[in-house]
PDB file of all heavy atoms in Angstrom:
ATOM      1  N   PHE A   1      17.610   8.135   2.247  1.00  0.00           N
ATOM      2  CA  PHE A   1      18.930   8.060   1.779  1.00  0.00           C
ATOM      3  C   PHE A   1      19.878   8.865   2.723  1.00  0.00           C
ATOM      4  O   PHE A   1      19.353   9.914   3.348  1.00  0.00           O
ATOM      5  CB  PHE A   1      19.038   8.638   0.381  1.00  0.00           C
ATOM      6  CG  PHE A   1      18.193   7.909  -0.649  1.00  0.00           C
ATOM      7  CD1 PHE A   1      16.870   8.127  -0.887  1.00  0.00           C
ATOM      8  CD2 PHE A   1      18.876   6.838  -1.375  1.00  0.00           C
ATOM      9  CE1 PHE A   1      16.125   7.405  -1.811  1.00  0.00           C
ATOM     10  CE2 PHE A   1      18.168   6.125  -2.433  1.00  0.00           C
ATOM     11  CZ  PHE A   1      16.778   6.373  -2.546  1.00  0.00           C
ATOM     12  N   THR A   2      21.134   8.552   2.748  1.00  0.00           N
ATOM     13  CA  THR A   2      22.077   9.419   3.404  1.00  0.00           C
ATOM     14  C   THR A   2      23.127   9.795   2.467  1.00  0.00           C
ATOM     15  O   THR A   2      23.280   9.267   1.345  1.00  0.00           O
ATOM     16  CB  THR A   2      22.849   8.729   4.528  1.00  0.00           C
ATOM     17  OG1 THR A   2      23.545   7.544   4.006  1.00  0.00           O
ATOM     18  CG2 THR A   2      21.761   8.164   5.586  1.00  0.00           C
ATOM     19  N   ALA A   3      23.846  10.982   2.684  1.00  0.00           N
ATOM     20  CA  ALA A   3      24.800  11.498   1.785  1.00  0.00           C
ATOM     21  C   ALA A   3      25.903  12.017   2.672  1.00  0.00           C
ATOM     22  O   ALA A   3      25.715  12.940   3.466  1.00  0.00           O
ATOM     23  CB  ALA A   3      24.259  12.592   0.914  1.00  0.00           C
ATOM     24  N   MET A   4      27.094  11.442   2.541  1.00  0.00           N
ATOM     25  CA  MET A   4      28.246  11.837   3.409  1.00  0.00           C
ATOM     26  C   MET A   4      29.530  11.542   2.708  1.00  0.00           C
ATOM     27  O   MET A   4      29.701  10.394   2.212  1.00  0.00           O
ATOM     28  CB  MET A   4      28.227  11.083   4.746  1.00  0.00           C
ATOM     29  CG  MET A   4      29.198  11.582   5.736  1.00  0.00           C
ATOM     30  SD  MET A   4      28.869  10.910   7.383  1.00  0.00           S
ATOM     31  CE  MET A   4      27.300  11.759   7.845  1.00  0.00           C
ATOM     32  N   ASP A   5      30.386  12.520   2.582  1.00  0.00           N
ATOM     33  CA  ASP A   5      31.801  12.435   1.962  1.00  0.00           C
ATOM     34  C   ASP A   5      31.574  11.839   0.504  1.00  0.00           C
ATOM     35  O   ASP A   5      32.301  10.914   0.123  1.00  0.00           O
ATOM     36  CB  ASP A   5      32.722  11.539   2.779  1.00  0.00           C
ATOM     37  CG  ASP A   5      33.255  12.263   3.892  1.00  0.00           C
ATOM     38  OD1 ASP A   5      33.236  13.557   3.811  1.00  0.00           O
ATOM     39  OD2 ASP A   5      33.833  11.668   4.820  1.00  0.00           O
ATOM     40  N   GLY A   6      30.552  12.212  -0.160  1.00  0.00           N
ATOM     41  CA  GLY A   6      30.342  11.848  -1.528  1.00  0.00           C
ATOM     42  C   GLY A   6      29.485  10.559  -1.791  1.00  0.00           C
ATOM     43  O   GLY A   6      29.134  10.199  -2.931  1.00  0.00           O
ATOM     44  N   ILE A   7      29.339   9.833  -0.670  1.00  0.00           N
ATOM     45  CA  ILE A   7      28.692   8.503  -0.829  1.00  0.00           C
ATOM     46  C   ILE A   7      27.297   8.600  -0.363  1.00  0.00           C
ATOM     47  O   ILE A   7      27.014   9.051   0.821  1.00  0.00           O
ATOM     48  CB  ILE A   7      29.429   7.413   0.006  1.00  0.00           C
ATOM     49  CG1 ILE A   7      30.860   7.242  -0.588  1.00  0.00           C
ATOM     50  CG2 ILE A   7      28.595   6.098  -0.076  1.00  0.00           C
ATOM     51  CD1 ILE A   7      31.691   6.250   0.227  1.00  0.00           C
ATOM     52  N   MET A   8      26.316   8.310  -1.202  1.00  0.00           N
ATOM     53  CA  MET A   8      24.935   8.121  -0.768  1.00  0.00           C
ATOM     54  C   MET A   8      24.628   6.663  -0.430  1.00  0.00           C
ATOM     55  O   MET A   8      25.188   5.681  -1.104  1.00  0.00           O
ATOM     56  CB  MET A   8      24.015   8.531  -1.941  1.00  0.00           C
ATOM     57  CG  MET A   8      24.023  10.015  -2.212  1.00  0.00           C
ATOM     58  SD  MET A   8      22.888  10.442  -3.576  1.00  0.00           S
ATOM     59  CE  MET A   8      21.233  10.039  -2.788  1.00  0.00           C
ATOM     60  N   GLU A   9      23.851   6.483   0.555  1.00  0.00           N
ATOM     61  CA  GLU A   9      23.347   5.109   0.887  1.00  0.00           C
ATOM     62  C   GLU A   9      21.886   5.011   0.885  1.00  0.00           C
ATOM     63  O   GLU A   9      21.164   5.907   1.292  1.00  0.00           O
ATOM     64  CB  GLU A   9      23.851   4.771   2.412  1.00  0.00           C
ATOM     65  CG  GLU A   9      25.330   4.787   2.590  1.00  0.00           C
ATOM     66  CD  GLU A   9      25.968   3.505   2.117  1.00  0.00           C
ATOM     67  OE1 GLU A   9      25.206   2.562   1.658  1.00  0.00           O
ATOM     68  OE2 GLU A   9      27.239   3.352   2.183  1.00  0.00           O
ATOM     69  N   TYR A  10      21.362   3.949   0.295  1.00  0.00           N
ATOM     70  CA  TYR A  10      19.964   3.591   0.214  1.00  0.00           C
ATOM     71  C   TYR A  10      19.692   2.872   1.553  1.00  0.00           C
ATOM     72  O   TYR A  10      19.949   1.743   1.740  1.00  0.00           O
ATOM     73  CB  TYR A  10      19.815   2.734  -1.048  1.00  0.00           C
ATOM     74  CG  TYR A  10      18.397   2.214  -1.308  1.00  0.00           C
ATOM     75  CD1 TYR A  10      17.265   3.011  -1.096  1.00  0.00           C
ATOM     76  CD2 TYR A  10      18.278   0.838  -1.719  1.00  0.00           C
ATOM     77  CE1 TYR A  10      16.025   2.508  -1.468  1.00  0.00           C
ATOM     78  CE2 TYR A  10      17.013   0.420  -2.058  1.00  0.00           C
ATOM     79  CZ  TYR A  10      15.911   1.226  -1.869  1.00  0.00           C
ATOM     80  OH  TYR A  10      14.588   0.679  -2.209  1.00  0.00           O
ATOM     81  N   HIS A  11      19.037   3.554   2.529  1.00  0.00           N
ATOM     82  CA  HIS A  11      18.973   3.076   3.852  1.00  0.00           C
ATOM     83  C   HIS A  11      17.663   2.236   4.085  1.00  0.00           C
ATOM     84  O   HIS A  11      17.742   0.992   4.410  1.00  0.00           O
ATOM     85  CB  HIS A  11      19.124   4.209   4.826  1.00  0.00           C
ATOM     86  CG  HIS A  11      19.116   3.777   6.363  1.00  0.00           C
ATOM     87  ND1 HIS A  11      19.989   2.760   6.748  1.00  0.00           N
ATOM     88  CD2 HIS A  11      18.424   4.210   7.427  1.00  0.00           C
ATOM     89  CE1 HIS A  11      19.793   2.602   8.041  1.00  0.00           C
ATOM     90  NE2 HIS A  11      18.859   3.433   8.484  1.00  0.00           N
ATOM     91  N   LEU A  12      16.490   2.849   4.015  1.00  0.00           N
ATOM     92  CA  LEU A  12      15.226   2.182   4.216  1.00  0.00           C
ATOM     93  C   LEU A  12      14.229   2.590   3.189  1.00  0.00           C
ATOM     94  O   LEU A  12      14.286   3.704   2.655  1.00  0.00           O
ATOM     95  CB  LEU A  12      14.701   2.495   5.690  1.00  0.00           C
ATOM     96  CG  LEU A  12      15.547   2.136   6.854  1.00  0.00           C
ATOM     97  CD1 LEU A  12      14.875   2.738   8.155  1.00  0.00           C
ATOM     98  CD2 LEU A  12      15.824   0.725   6.987  1.00  0.00           C
ATOM     99  N   SER A  13      13.449   1.626   2.753  1.00  0.00           N
ATOM    100  CA  SER A  13      12.480   1.945   1.653  1.00  0.00           C
ATOM    101  C   SER A  13      11.155   1.246   2.043  1.00  0.00           C
ATOM    102  O   SER A  13      11.005   0.281   2.685  1.00  0.00           O
ATOM    103  CB  SER A  13      13.054   1.373   0.344  1.00  0.00           C
ATOM    104  OG  SER A  13      12.212   1.555  -0.662  1.00  0.00           O
ATOM    105  N   ALA A  14      10.063   1.812   1.368  1.00  0.00           N
ATOM    106  CA  ALA A  14       8.717   1.361   1.555  1.00  0.00           C
ATOM    107  C   ALA A  14       7.854   1.864   0.530  1.00  0.00           C
ATOM    108  O   ALA A  14       8.099   2.786  -0.204  1.00  0.00           O
ATOM    109  CB  ALA A  14       8.139   1.826   2.967  1.00  0.00           C
ATOM    110  N   ASN A  15       6.675   1.192   0.366  1.00  0.00           N
ATOM    111  CA  ASN A  15       5.705   1.666  -0.609  1.00  0.00           C
ATOM    112  C   ASN A  15       4.213   1.284  -0.164  1.00  0.00           C
ATOM    113  O   ASN A  15       4.058   0.420   0.708  1.00  0.00           O
ATOM    114  CB  ASN A  15       5.964   1.107  -1.943  1.00  0.00           C
ATOM    115  CG  ASN A  15       5.891  -0.443  -2.083  1.00  0.00           C
ATOM    116  OD1 ASN A  15       4.779  -1.001  -1.996  1.00  0.00           O
ATOM    117  ND2 ASN A  15       7.022  -1.072  -2.212  1.00  0.00           N
ATOM    118  N   ASP A  16       3.303   1.980  -0.623  1.00  0.00           N
ATOM    119  CA  ASP A  16       1.830   1.667  -0.436  1.00  0.00           C
ATOM    120  C   ASP A  16       1.448   0.424  -1.154  1.00  0.00           C
ATOM    121  O   ASP A  16       1.611   0.334  -2.314  1.00  0.00           O
ATOM    122  CB  ASP A  16       1.028   2.834  -0.900  1.00  0.00           C
ATOM    123  CG  ASP A  16      -0.389   2.700  -0.499  1.00  0.00           C
ATOM    124  OD1 ASP A  16      -0.917   1.581  -0.209  1.00  0.00           O
ATOM    125  OD2 ASP A  16      -1.125   3.740  -0.598  1.00  0.00           O
ATOM    126  N   PRO A  17       0.864  -0.574  -0.389  1.00  0.00           N
ATOM    127  CA  PRO A  17       0.610  -1.896  -1.028  1.00  0.00           C
ATOM    128  C   PRO A  17      -0.399  -1.644  -2.200  1.00  0.00           C
ATOM    129  O   PRO A  17      -0.382  -2.547  -3.111  1.00  0.00           O
ATOM    130  CB  PRO A  17      -0.030  -2.674   0.124  1.00  0.00           C
ATOM    131  CG  PRO A  17       0.575  -2.110   1.337  1.00  0.00           C
ATOM    132  CD  PRO A  17       0.808  -0.673   1.071  1.00  0.00           C
ATOM    133  N   GLN A  18      -1.218  -0.678  -2.125  1.00  0.00           N
ATOM    134  CA  GLN A  18      -2.177  -0.351  -3.205  1.00  0.00           C
ATOM    135  C   GLN A  18      -1.510  -0.110  -4.530  1.00  0.00           C
ATOM    136  O   GLN A  18      -2.166  -0.285  -5.623  1.00  0.00           O
ATOM    137  CB  GLN A  18      -3.169   0.686  -2.826  1.00  0.00           C
ATOM    138  CG  GLN A  18      -4.032   0.428  -1.603  1.00  0.00           C
ATOM    139  CD  GLN A  18      -4.915   1.585  -1.315  1.00  0.00           C
ATOM    140  OE1 GLN A  18      -5.455   2.263  -2.176  1.00  0.00           O
ATOM    141  NE2 GLN A  18      -5.248   1.757  -0.025  1.00  0.00           N
ATOM    142  N   PHE A  19      -0.336   0.433  -4.543  1.00  0.00           N
ATOM    143  CA  PHE A  19       0.387   0.801  -5.757  1.00  0.00           C
ATOM    144  C   PHE A  19       1.498  -0.032  -6.066  1.00  0.00           C
ATOM    145  O   PHE A  19       2.371   0.252  -6.963  1.00  0.00           O
ATOM    146  CB  PHE A  19       0.864   2.170  -5.563  1.00  0.00           C
ATOM    147  CG  PHE A  19      -0.258   3.283  -5.606  1.00  0.00           C
ATOM    148  CD1 PHE A  19      -0.860   3.601  -4.395  1.00  0.00           C
ATOM    149  CD2 PHE A  19      -0.704   3.898  -6.731  1.00  0.00           C
ATOM    150  CE1 PHE A  19      -1.873   4.469  -4.278  1.00  0.00           C
ATOM    151  CE2 PHE A  19      -1.702   4.820  -6.638  1.00  0.00           C
ATOM    152  CZ  PHE A  19      -2.408   5.137  -5.524  1.00  0.00           C
ATOM    153  N   GLN A  20       1.742  -1.165  -5.380  1.00  0.00           N
ATOM    154  CA  GLN A  20       2.914  -2.025  -5.465  1.00  0.00           C
ATOM    155  C   GLN A  20       3.129  -2.486  -6.911  1.00  0.00           C
ATOM    156  O   GLN A  20       4.191  -2.653  -7.458  1.00  0.00           O
ATOM    157  CB  GLN A  20       2.849  -3.192  -4.538  1.00  0.00           C
ATOM    158  CG  GLN A  20       4.101  -4.019  -4.491  1.00  0.00           C
ATOM    159  CD  GLN A  20       3.956  -5.113  -3.500  1.00  0.00           C
ATOM    160  OE1 GLN A  20       2.953  -5.253  -2.739  1.00  0.00           O
ATOM    161  NE2 GLN A  20       4.930  -6.016  -3.453  1.00  0.00           N
ATOM    162  N   ARG A  21       1.957  -2.822  -7.585  1.00  0.00           N
ATOM    163  CA  ARG A  21       1.993  -3.383  -8.996  1.00  0.00           C
ATOM    164  C   ARG A  21       2.690  -2.427  -9.867  1.00  0.00           C
ATOM    165  O   ARG A  21       3.174  -2.880 -10.958  1.00  0.00           O
ATOM    166  CB  ARG A  21       0.678  -3.717  -9.478  1.00  0.00           C
ATOM    167  CG  ARG A  21      -0.355  -2.586  -9.565  1.00  0.00           C
ATOM    168  CD  ARG A  21      -1.770  -3.042  -9.979  1.00  0.00           C
ATOM    169  NE  ARG A  21      -2.625  -1.843 -10.136  1.00  0.00           N
ATOM    170  CZ  ARG A  21      -2.626  -1.035 -11.189  1.00  0.00           C
ATOM    171  NH1 ARG A  21      -1.802  -1.306 -12.160  1.00  0.00           N
ATOM    172  NH2 ARG A  21      -3.551  -0.031 -11.191  1.00  0.00           N
ATOM    173  N   LEU A  22       2.648  -1.137  -9.590  1.00  0.00           N
ATOM    174  CA  LEU A  22       3.251  -0.166 -10.524  1.00  0.00           C
ATOM    175  C   LEU A  22       4.767  -0.011 -10.213  1.00  0.00           C
ATOM    176  O   LEU A  22       5.386   0.792 -10.972  1.00  0.00           O
ATOM    177  CB  LEU A  22       2.571   1.235 -10.353  1.00  0.00           C
ATOM    178  CG  LEU A  22       1.137   1.293 -10.880  1.00  0.00           C
ATOM    179  CD1 LEU A  22       0.484   2.668 -10.518  1.00  0.00           C
ATOM    180  CD2 LEU A  22       1.037   1.002 -12.401  1.00  0.00           C
ATOM    181  N   ALA A  23       5.293  -0.573  -9.239  1.00  0.00           N
ATOM    182  CA  ALA A  23       6.678  -0.523  -8.825  1.00  0.00           C
ATOM    183  C   ALA A  23       7.220   0.937  -8.674  1.00  0.00           C
ATOM    184  O   ALA A  23       8.203   1.297  -9.216  1.00  0.00           O
ATOM    185  CB  ALA A  23       7.479  -1.271  -9.901  1.00  0.00           C
ATOM    186  N   PRO A  24       6.560   1.751  -7.729  1.00  0.00           N
ATOM    187  CA  PRO A  24       6.961   3.068  -7.649  1.00  0.00           C
ATOM    188  C   PRO A  24       8.395   3.216  -7.007  1.00  0.00           C
ATOM    189  O   PRO A  24       9.044   4.289  -7.106  1.00  0.00           O
ATOM    190  CB  PRO A  24       5.913   3.619  -6.652  1.00  0.00           C
ATOM    191  CG  PRO A  24       5.381   2.517  -5.939  1.00  0.00           C
ATOM    192  CD  PRO A  24       5.404   1.372  -6.892  1.00  0.00           C
ATOM    193  N   THR A  25       8.869   2.165  -6.270  1.00  0.00           N
ATOM    194  CA  THR A  25      10.236   2.225  -5.723  1.00  0.00           C
ATOM    195  C   THR A  25      11.247   2.380  -6.776  1.00  0.00           C
ATOM    196  O   THR A  25      12.325   3.034  -6.569  1.00  0.00           O
ATOM    197  CB  THR A  25      10.507   0.922  -4.942  1.00  0.00           C
ATOM    198  OG1 THR A  25       9.574   0.851  -3.801  1.00  0.00           O
ATOM    199  CG2 THR A  25      11.940   0.935  -4.345  1.00  0.00           C
ATOM    200  N   LYS A  26      11.016   1.952  -7.995  1.00  0.00           N
ATOM    201  CA  LYS A  26      11.993   2.084  -9.139  1.00  0.00           C
ATOM    202  C   LYS A  26      12.121   3.660  -9.416  1.00  0.00           C
ATOM    203  O   LYS A  26      13.208   4.166  -9.632  1.00  0.00           O
ATOM    204  CB  LYS A  26      11.620   1.371 -10.259  1.00  0.00           C
ATOM    205  CG  LYS A  26      11.602  -0.191  -9.999  1.00  0.00           C
ATOM    206  CD  LYS A  26      11.165  -0.960 -11.284  1.00  0.00           C
ATOM    207  CE  LYS A  26      11.262  -2.446 -10.915  1.00  0.00           C
ATOM    208  NZ  LYS A  26      10.784  -3.325 -11.997  1.00  0.00           N
ATOM    209  N   LEU A  27      11.091   4.282  -9.364  1.00  0.00           N
ATOM    210  CA  LEU A  27      11.059   5.768  -9.652  1.00  0.00           C
ATOM    211  C   LEU A  27      11.756   6.485  -8.444  1.00  0.00           C
ATOM    212  O   LEU A  27      12.507   7.469  -8.657  1.00  0.00           O
ATOM    213  CB  LEU A  27       9.623   6.288  -9.826  1.00  0.00           C
ATOM    214  CG  LEU A  27       9.598   7.791 -10.184  1.00  0.00           C
ATOM    215  CD1 LEU A  27      10.368   8.131 -11.443  1.00  0.00           C
ATOM    216  CD2 LEU A  27       8.068   8.255 -10.359  1.00  0.00           C
ATOM    217  N   THR A  28      11.544   5.975  -7.270  1.00  0.00           N
ATOM    218  CA  THR A  28      12.245   6.570  -6.057  1.00  0.00           C
ATOM    219  C   THR A  28      13.800   6.571  -6.261  1.00  0.00           C
ATOM    220  O   THR A  28      14.459   7.578  -6.109  1.00  0.00           O
ATOM    221  CB  THR A  28      11.897   5.784  -4.762  1.00  0.00           C
ATOM    222  OG1 THR A  28      10.456   5.577  -4.704  1.00  0.00           O
ATOM    223  CG2 THR A  28      12.465   6.511  -3.549  1.00  0.00           C
ATOM    224  N   ILE A  29      14.345   5.355  -6.573  1.00  0.00           N
ATOM    225  CA  ILE A  29      15.726   5.220  -6.793  1.00  0.00           C
ATOM    226  C   ILE A  29      16.231   6.137  -7.950  1.00  0.00           C
ATOM    227  O   ILE A  29      17.358   6.723  -7.905  1.00  0.00           O
ATOM    228  CB  ILE A  29      16.183   3.764  -6.929  1.00  0.00           C
ATOM    229  CG1 ILE A  29      15.789   3.070  -5.601  1.00  0.00           C
ATOM    230  CG2 ILE A  29      17.642   3.621  -7.293  1.00  0.00           C
ATOM    231  CD1 ILE A  29      16.105   1.485  -5.697  1.00  0.00           C
ATOM    232  N   HIS A  30      15.523   6.043  -9.116  1.00  0.00           N
ATOM    233  CA  HIS A  30      15.851   6.811 -10.205  1.00  0.00           C
ATOM    234  C   HIS A  30      15.937   8.342  -9.895  1.00  0.00           C
ATOM    235  O   HIS A  30      16.938   9.022 -10.223  1.00  0.00           O
ATOM    236  CB  HIS A  30      14.784   6.572 -11.282  1.00  0.00           C
ATOM    237  CG  HIS A  30      15.060   7.499 -12.531  1.00  0.00           C
ATOM    238  ND1 HIS A  30      16.228   7.435 -13.328  1.00  0.00           N
ATOM    239  CD2 HIS A  30      14.269   8.502 -13.163  1.00  0.00           C
ATOM    240  CE1 HIS A  30      16.076   8.311 -14.288  1.00  0.00           C
ATOM    241  NE2 HIS A  30      14.991   8.947 -14.162  1.00  0.00           N
ATOM    242  N   CYS A  31      14.951   8.780  -9.248  1.00  0.00           N
ATOM    243  CA  CYS A  31      14.939  10.260  -8.904  1.00  0.00           C
ATOM    244  C   CYS A  31      16.006  10.630  -7.836  1.00  0.00           C
ATOM    245  O   CYS A  31      16.645  11.642  -8.017  1.00  0.00           O
ATOM    246  CB  CYS A  31      13.558  10.677  -8.397  1.00  0.00           C
ATOM    247  SG  CYS A  31      12.329  10.675  -9.690  1.00  0.00           S
ATOM    248  N   ALA A  32      16.286   9.687  -6.883  1.00  0.00           N
ATOM    249  CA  ALA A  32      17.269   9.965  -5.907  1.00  0.00           C
ATOM    250  C   ALA A  32      18.648  10.003  -6.568  1.00  0.00           C
ATOM    251  O   ALA A  32      19.510  10.794  -6.135  1.00  0.00           O
ATOM    252  CB  ALA A  32      17.219   8.886  -4.838  1.00  0.00           C
ATOM    253  N   ARG A  33      18.876   9.149  -7.537  1.00  0.00           N
ATOM    254  CA  ARG A  33      20.273   9.068  -8.119  1.00  0.00           C
ATOM    255  C   ARG A  33      20.510  10.357  -8.947  1.00  0.00           C
ATOM    256  O   ARG A  33      21.623  10.896  -8.970  1.00  0.00           O
ATOM    257  CB  ARG A  33      20.452   7.887  -9.051  1.00  0.00           C
ATOM    258  CG  ARG A  33      19.577   7.728 -10.177  1.00  0.00           C
ATOM    259  CD  ARG A  33      19.785   6.337 -10.890  1.00  0.00           C
ATOM    260  NE  ARG A  33      18.917   6.253 -12.059  1.00  0.00           N
ATOM    261  CZ  ARG A  33      18.967   5.073 -12.842  1.00  0.00           C
ATOM    262  NH1 ARG A  33      19.779   4.178 -12.557  1.00  0.00           N
ATOM    263  NH2 ARG A  33      18.074   4.962 -13.774  1.00  0.00           N
ATOM    264  N   LEU A  34      19.441  10.880  -9.671  1.00  0.00           N
ATOM    265  CA  LEU A  34      19.669  12.066 -10.412  1.00  0.00           C
ATOM    266  C   LEU A  34      19.826  13.250  -9.443  1.00  0.00           C
ATOM    267  O   LEU A  34      20.595  14.259  -9.722  1.00  0.00           O
ATOM    268  CB  LEU A  34      18.481  12.391 -11.285  1.00  0.00           C
ATOM    269  CG  LEU A  34      18.176  11.313 -12.430  1.00  0.00           C
ATOM    270  CD1 LEU A  34      16.985  11.720 -13.250  1.00  0.00           C
ATOM    271  CD2 LEU A  34      19.403  11.114 -13.294  1.00  0.00           C
TER     272      LEU A  34
END
């Protein structure tokens, strides 16, 4: 993520294929927004 002048950008994302079924990226975005 980037943060500049109040704006955060979701730039690049990835996950371990072994855990894809648990959708960990959703927790990534949730924690980043908080």
